[in-house]
Amino acid sequence: MASLGFCKIDDLQLSKNSSNAVSEIKDLIGSGNLLSVSTASIPLFQIFFSPGKGTAFEATIAVREYDWELFGNALGASGKITRSRIFNIAYNQEIFTYGKEQKFWRCVSEASK
């Protein structure tokens, strides 16, 4: 990853378009967090609340047999998807801005890689 030494930007004034992009990124972060929490809760429901999982013994077997590797991959992918979408927004803003505003978006795009 590139050095983020250029991220210190004094007296930055964002345009209306950039302000909208910041709001969009905030929404993406919120959605990404919700996706991660939802994904993380799937095993709990599948193991403990699925039909036929009434006893502690059945739940123990379900925990042991659950595909935890697939679960880990799914959970890890949700963060990557969010970062990728943030990068796309930031990179597009970086291309169409200049000066301090462009430096700001370059910092965001580099940080989201």
N, C-alpha and C. Protein backbone atom coordinates (compact mmCIF):
# COMPACT_ATOMS: atom_id res chain seq x y z
N MET A 1 0.85 -1.17 0.00
CA MET A 1 0.00 0.00 0.00
C MET A 1 0.89 1.23 0.00
N ALA A 2 0.47 2.24 -0.72
CA ALA A 2 1.25 3.47 -0.83
C ALA A 2 1.25 4.23 0.49
N SER A 3 2.28 5.01 0.69
CA SER A 3 2.34 5.84 1.88
C SER A 3 1.22 6.87 1.85
N LEU A 4 0.57 7.08 2.98
CA LEU A 4 -0.53 8.02 3.03
C LEU A 4 -0.09 9.35 3.62
N GLY A 5 1.18 9.71 3.43
CA GLY A 5 1.70 10.95 3.94
C GLY A 5 1.03 12.18 3.35
N PHE A 6 0.42 12.06 2.20
CA PHE A 6 -0.23 13.19 1.55
C PHE A 6 -1.63 13.44 2.11
N CYS A 7 -2.06 12.70 3.12
CA CYS A 7 -3.43 12.80 3.62
C CYS A 7 -3.66 14.00 4.53
N LYS A 8 -2.62 14.65 5.00
CA LYS A 8 -2.83 15.84 5.84
C LYS A 8 -3.17 17.00 4.93
N ILE A 9 -4.43 17.43 5.01
CA ILE A 9 -4.91 18.49 4.13
C ILE A 9 -5.54 19.58 4.99
N ASP A 10 -4.90 20.74 5.03
CA ASP A 10 -5.40 21.86 5.82
C ASP A 10 -6.40 22.67 5.00
N ASP A 11 -7.40 23.23 5.68
CA ASP A 11 -8.38 24.14 5.08
C ASP A 11 -9.07 23.54 3.86
N LEU A 12 -9.50 22.31 3.96
CA LEU A 12 -10.18 21.64 2.86
C LEU A 12 -11.63 22.09 2.78
N GLN A 13 -12.05 22.49 1.61
CA GLN A 13 -13.44 22.85 1.35
C GLN A 13 -13.97 21.87 0.29
N LEU A 14 -14.99 21.10 0.64
CA LEU A 14 -15.55 20.14 -0.30
C LEU A 14 -16.66 20.78 -1.12
N SER A 15 -16.68 20.43 -2.40
CA SER A 15 -17.75 20.89 -3.28
C SER A 15 -19.04 20.14 -2.93
N LYS A 16 -20.14 20.58 -3.49
CA LYS A 16 -21.43 19.91 -3.27
C LYS A 16 -21.36 18.46 -3.74
N ASN A 17 -20.73 18.22 -4.88
CA ASN A 17 -20.61 16.87 -5.42
C ASN A 17 -19.79 15.99 -4.47
N SER A 18 -18.71 16.52 -3.94
CA SER A 18 -17.89 15.76 -2.99
C SER A 18 -18.64 15.51 -1.69
N SER A 19 -19.39 16.49 -1.23
CA SER A 19 -20.18 16.31 -0.01
C SER A 19 -21.21 15.20 -0.19
N ASN A 20 -21.81 15.14 -1.38
CA ASN A 20 -22.75 14.06 -1.68
C ASN A 20 -22.04 12.71 -1.68
N ALA A 21 -20.84 12.68 -2.23
CA ALA A 21 -20.07 11.44 -2.26
C ALA A 21 -19.70 10.99 -0.84
N VAL A 22 -19.37 11.92 0.04
CA VAL A 22 -19.07 11.59 1.44
C VAL A 22 -20.31 10.98 2.09
N SER A 23 -21.48 11.55 1.83
CA SER A 23 -22.72 10.99 2.38
C SER A 23 -22.97 9.59 1.84
N GLU A 24 -22.70 9.39 0.57
CA GLU A 24 -22.87 8.07 -0.04
C GLU A 24 -21.93 7.04 0.62
N ILE A 25 -20.71 7.46 0.89
CA ILE A 25 -19.74 6.57 1.55
C ILE A 25 -20.20 6.24 2.97
N LYS A 26 -20.72 7.23 3.68
CA LYS A 26 -21.24 6.97 5.03
C LYS A 26 -22.36 5.95 4.98
N ASP A 27 -23.25 6.07 4.00
CA ASP A 27 -24.34 5.10 3.85
C ASP A 27 -23.80 3.71 3.54
N LEU A 28 -22.77 3.64 2.68
CA LEU A 28 -22.16 2.36 2.35
C LEU A 28 -21.55 1.70 3.59
N ILE A 29 -20.89 2.49 4.41
CA ILE A 29 -20.28 1.95 5.63
C ILE A 29 -21.37 1.39 6.54
N GLY A 30 -22.47 2.11 6.69
CA GLY A 30 -23.58 1.63 7.50
C GLY A 30 -24.16 0.34 6.94
N SER A 31 -24.35 0.30 5.63
CA SER A 31 -24.88 -0.91 4.99
C SER A 31 -23.89 -2.07 5.12
N GLY A 32 -22.61 -1.77 4.98
CA GLY A 32 -21.58 -2.80 5.11
C GLY A 32 -21.55 -3.38 6.50
N ASN A 33 -21.71 -2.52 7.50
CA ASN A 33 -21.75 -3.00 8.89
C ASN A 33 -22.98 -3.88 9.12
N LEU A 34 -24.10 -3.47 8.56
CA LEU A 34 -25.33 -4.25 8.70
C LEU A 34 -25.17 -5.61 8.01
N LEU A 35 -24.54 -5.62 6.84
CA LEU A 35 -24.29 -6.87 6.13
C LEU A 35 -23.39 -7.79 6.96
N SER A 36 -22.36 -7.24 7.56
CA SER A 36 -21.45 -8.05 8.38
C SER A 36 -22.17 -8.65 9.59
N VAL A 37 -22.98 -7.84 10.25
CA VAL A 37 -23.72 -8.34 11.42
C VAL A 37 -24.72 -9.42 10.99
N SER A 38 -25.40 -9.18 9.88
CA SER A 38 -26.36 -10.17 9.38
C SER A 38 -25.67 -11.47 9.02
N THR A 39 -24.54 -11.37 8.33
CA THR A 39 -23.79 -12.56 7.94
C THR A 39 -23.29 -13.31 9.18
N ALA A 40 -22.84 -12.56 10.17
CA ALA A 40 -22.31 -13.19 11.38
C ALA A 40 -23.40 -13.93 12.16
N SER A 41 -24.64 -13.51 12.03
CA SER A 41 -25.71 -14.16 12.80
C SER A 41 -26.27 -15.40 12.13
N ILE A 42 -25.94 -15.63 10.88
CA ILE A 42 -26.48 -16.78 10.15
C ILE A 42 -26.21 -18.11 10.85
N PRO A 43 -24.96 -18.39 11.28
CA PRO A 43 -24.73 -19.68 11.94
C PRO A 43 -25.58 -19.87 13.20
N LEU A 44 -25.80 -18.80 13.96
CA LEU A 44 -26.60 -18.92 15.17
C LEU A 44 -28.01 -19.40 14.85
N PHE A 45 -28.60 -18.82 13.84
CA PHE A 45 -29.95 -19.23 13.47
C PHE A 45 -29.96 -20.63 12.88
N GLN A 46 -28.98 -20.93 12.04
CA GLN A 46 -28.95 -22.26 11.42
C GLN A 46 -28.68 -23.36 12.44
N ILE A 47 -27.86 -23.08 13.41
CA ILE A 47 -27.48 -24.11 14.39
C ILE A 47 -28.53 -24.27 15.49
N PHE A 48 -29.01 -23.15 16.03
CA PHE A 48 -29.84 -23.23 17.22
C PHE A 48 -31.34 -23.10 16.97
N PHE A 49 -31.73 -22.52 15.84
CA PHE A 49 -33.16 -22.28 15.62
C PHE A 49 -33.75 -23.03 14.44
N SER A 50 -32.96 -23.83 13.76
CA SER A 50 -33.48 -24.62 12.65
C SER A 50 -34.31 -25.77 13.19
N PRO A 51 -35.32 -26.21 12.43
CA PRO A 51 -36.11 -27.36 12.87
C PRO A 51 -35.20 -28.58 13.06
N GLY A 52 -35.45 -29.35 14.11
CA GLY A 52 -34.66 -30.54 14.38
C GLY A 52 -33.44 -30.29 15.22
N LYS A 53 -33.23 -29.06 15.69
CA LYS A 53 -32.08 -28.74 16.53
C LYS A 53 -32.54 -28.48 17.96
N GLY A 54 -33.46 -29.31 18.44
CA GLY A 54 -34.09 -29.07 19.73
C GLY A 54 -33.24 -29.39 20.93
N THR A 55 -32.31 -30.33 20.81
CA THR A 55 -31.54 -30.71 22.00
C THR A 55 -30.13 -30.13 21.94
N ALA A 56 -29.50 -30.10 23.10
CA ALA A 56 -28.12 -29.62 23.17
C ALA A 56 -27.20 -30.53 22.36
N PHE A 57 -27.48 -31.82 22.38
CA PHE A 57 -26.67 -32.78 21.62
C PHE A 57 -26.74 -32.49 20.12
N GLU A 58 -27.94 -32.24 19.62
CA GLU A 58 -28.10 -31.92 18.19
C GLU A 58 -27.40 -30.62 17.83
N ALA A 59 -27.48 -29.64 18.72
CA ALA A 59 -26.80 -28.36 18.47
C ALA A 59 -25.29 -28.55 18.46
N THR A 60 -24.77 -29.40 19.34
CA THR A 60 -23.33 -29.67 19.39
C THR A 60 -22.86 -30.31 18.09
N ILE A 61 -23.63 -31.24 17.58
CA ILE A 61 -23.28 -31.87 16.30
C ILE A 61 -23.33 -30.83 15.18
N ALA A 62 -24.33 -29.97 15.19
CA ALA A 62 -24.45 -28.94 14.16
C ALA A 62 -23.26 -27.98 14.19
N VAL A 63 -22.80 -27.61 15.39
CA VAL A 63 -21.65 -26.72 15.51
C VAL A 63 -20.42 -27.39 14.92
N ARG A 64 -20.24 -28.66 15.23
CA ARG A 64 -19.07 -29.39 14.75
C ARG A 64 -19.10 -29.56 13.23
N GLU A 65 -20.27 -29.77 12.66
CA GLU A 65 -20.39 -30.05 11.23
C GLU A 65 -20.60 -28.81 10.38
N TYR A 66 -20.75 -27.67 11.00
CA TYR A 66 -20.99 -26.43 10.24
C TYR A 66 -19.79 -26.10 9.37
N ASP A 67 -20.02 -25.58 8.20
CA ASP A 67 -18.93 -25.23 7.28
C ASP A 67 -18.36 -23.87 7.68
N TRP A 68 -17.48 -23.88 8.67
CA TRP A 68 -16.92 -22.64 9.21
C TRP A 68 -15.99 -21.95 8.23
N GLU A 69 -15.34 -22.71 7.36
CA GLU A 69 -14.46 -22.09 6.36
C GLU A 69 -15.28 -21.26 5.38
N LEU A 70 -16.38 -21.80 4.90
CA LEU A 70 -17.26 -21.06 4.01
C LEU A 70 -17.82 -19.82 4.71
N PHE A 71 -18.19 -19.99 5.98
CA PHE A 71 -18.69 -18.87 6.75
C PHE A 71 -17.64 -17.77 6.87
N GLY A 72 -16.40 -18.15 7.17
CA GLY A 72 -15.32 -17.18 7.28
C GLY A 72 -15.07 -16.44 5.97
N ASN A 73 -15.13 -17.17 4.87
CA ASN A 73 -14.96 -16.53 3.56
C ASN A 73 -16.07 -15.53 3.28
N ALA A 74 -17.30 -15.90 3.60
CA ALA A 74 -18.44 -15.00 3.39
C ALA A 74 -18.32 -13.75 4.25
N LEU A 75 -17.93 -13.94 5.50
CA LEU A 75 -17.79 -12.80 6.40
C LEU A 75 -16.66 -11.88 5.95
N GLY A 76 -15.56 -12.46 5.50
CA GLY A 76 -14.44 -11.65 5.01
C GLY A 76 -14.77 -10.90 3.73
N ALA A 77 -15.62 -11.49 2.90
CA ALA A 77 -15.97 -10.85 1.63
C ALA A 77 -16.82 -9.61 1.82
N SER A 78 -17.63 -9.56 2.87
CA SER A 78 -18.50 -8.40 3.05
C SER A 78 -17.68 -7.12 3.23
N GLY A 79 -16.57 -7.19 3.98
CA GLY A 79 -15.71 -6.02 4.14
C GLY A 79 -15.02 -5.62 2.85
N LYS A 80 -14.61 -6.62 2.08
CA LYS A 80 -13.95 -6.34 0.80
C LYS A 80 -14.91 -5.66 -0.17
N ILE A 81 -16.15 -6.10 -0.18
CA ILE A 81 -17.15 -5.49 -1.06
C ILE A 81 -17.36 -4.03 -0.69
N THR A 82 -17.49 -3.75 0.59
CA THR A 82 -17.68 -2.37 1.04
C THR A 82 -16.49 -1.51 0.66
N ARG A 83 -15.28 -2.00 0.92
CA ARG A 83 -14.07 -1.23 0.57
C ARG A 83 -13.99 -0.99 -0.93
N SER A 84 -14.33 -1.98 -1.72
CA SER A 84 -14.28 -1.84 -3.18
C SER A 84 -15.26 -0.77 -3.66
N ARG A 85 -16.44 -0.75 -3.09
CA ARG A 85 -17.43 0.25 -3.49
C ARG A 85 -17.00 1.65 -3.06
N ILE A 86 -16.40 1.76 -1.87
CA ILE A 86 -15.87 3.05 -1.43
C ILE A 86 -14.76 3.50 -2.35
N PHE A 87 -13.87 2.58 -2.72
CA PHE A 87 -12.79 2.92 -3.65
C PHE A 87 -13.35 3.47 -4.95
N ASN A 88 -14.37 2.84 -5.50
CA ASN A 88 -14.94 3.30 -6.77
C ASN A 88 -15.47 4.72 -6.67
N ILE A 89 -16.15 5.03 -5.59
CA ILE A 89 -16.66 6.39 -5.40
C ILE A 89 -15.51 7.37 -5.27
N ALA A 90 -14.54 7.03 -4.43
CA ALA A 90 -13.41 7.94 -4.18
C ALA A 90 -12.58 8.15 -5.44
N TYR A 91 -12.34 7.08 -6.18
CA TYR A 91 -11.52 7.19 -7.39
C TYR A 91 -12.22 8.06 -8.44
N ASN A 92 -13.52 7.90 -8.58
CA ASN A 92 -14.25 8.75 -9.52
C ASN A 92 -14.19 10.21 -9.10
N GLN A 93 -14.29 10.47 -7.80
CA GLN A 93 -14.17 11.84 -7.31
C GLN A 93 -12.75 12.38 -7.54
N GLU A 94 -11.77 11.52 -7.33
CA GLU A 94 -10.38 11.92 -7.53
C GLU A 94 -10.13 12.38 -8.97
N ILE A 95 -10.71 11.66 -9.90
CA ILE A 95 -10.52 11.99 -11.32
C ILE A 95 -11.13 13.34 -11.68
N PHE A 96 -12.27 13.67 -11.09
CA PHE A 96 -13.01 14.87 -11.50
C PHE A 96 -12.85 16.06 -10.56
N THR A 97 -11.87 16.00 -9.66
CA THR A 97 -11.60 17.14 -8.79
C THR A 97 -10.15 17.56 -8.96
N TYR A 98 -9.77 18.63 -8.30
CA TYR A 98 -8.39 19.12 -8.39
C TYR A 98 -7.99 19.76 -7.07
N GLY A 99 -6.70 20.01 -6.94
CA GLY A 99 -6.18 20.69 -5.76
C GLY A 99 -6.34 19.86 -4.49
N LYS A 100 -6.68 20.56 -3.41
CA LYS A 100 -6.80 19.91 -2.10
C LYS A 100 -7.91 18.86 -2.10
N GLU A 101 -8.96 19.16 -2.83
CA GLU A 101 -10.07 18.20 -2.89
C GLU A 101 -9.63 16.90 -3.56
N GLN A 102 -8.84 17.02 -4.61
CA GLN A 102 -8.31 15.83 -5.28
C GLN A 102 -7.37 15.06 -4.35
N LYS A 103 -6.56 15.76 -3.58
CA LYS A 103 -5.67 15.09 -2.62
C LYS A 103 -6.49 14.31 -1.59
N PHE A 104 -7.59 14.91 -1.14
CA PHE A 104 -8.46 14.24 -0.19
C PHE A 104 -9.00 12.93 -0.79
N TRP A 105 -9.50 12.99 -1.99
CA TRP A 105 -10.07 11.79 -2.61
C TRP A 105 -9.00 10.76 -2.95
N ARG A 106 -7.80 11.21 -3.26
CA ARG A 106 -6.70 10.26 -3.49
C ARG A 106 -6.40 9.52 -2.19
N CYS A 107 -6.43 10.24 -1.08
CA CYS A 107 -6.19 9.61 0.22
C CYS A 107 -7.28 8.57 0.52
N VAL A 108 -8.53 8.91 0.27
CA VAL A 108 -9.64 7.97 0.52
C VAL A 108 -9.52 6.76 -0.39
N SER A 109 -9.21 6.98 -1.67
CA SER A 109 -9.12 5.85 -2.58
C SER A 109 -7.95 4.94 -2.21
N GLU A 110 -6.81 5.50 -1.82
CA GLU A 110 -5.67 4.69 -1.41
C GLU A 110 -5.96 3.91 -0.12
N ALA A 111 -6.66 4.56 0.81
CA ALA A 111 -6.98 3.91 2.08
C ALA A 111 -7.98 2.78 1.91
N SER A 112 -8.78 2.83 0.85
CA SER A 112 -9.83 1.82 0.67
C SER A 112 -9.39 0.67 -0.23
N LYS A 113 -8.14 0.68 -0.68
CA LYS A 113 -7.65 -0.41 -1.55
C LYS A 113 -7.52 -1.68 -0.77
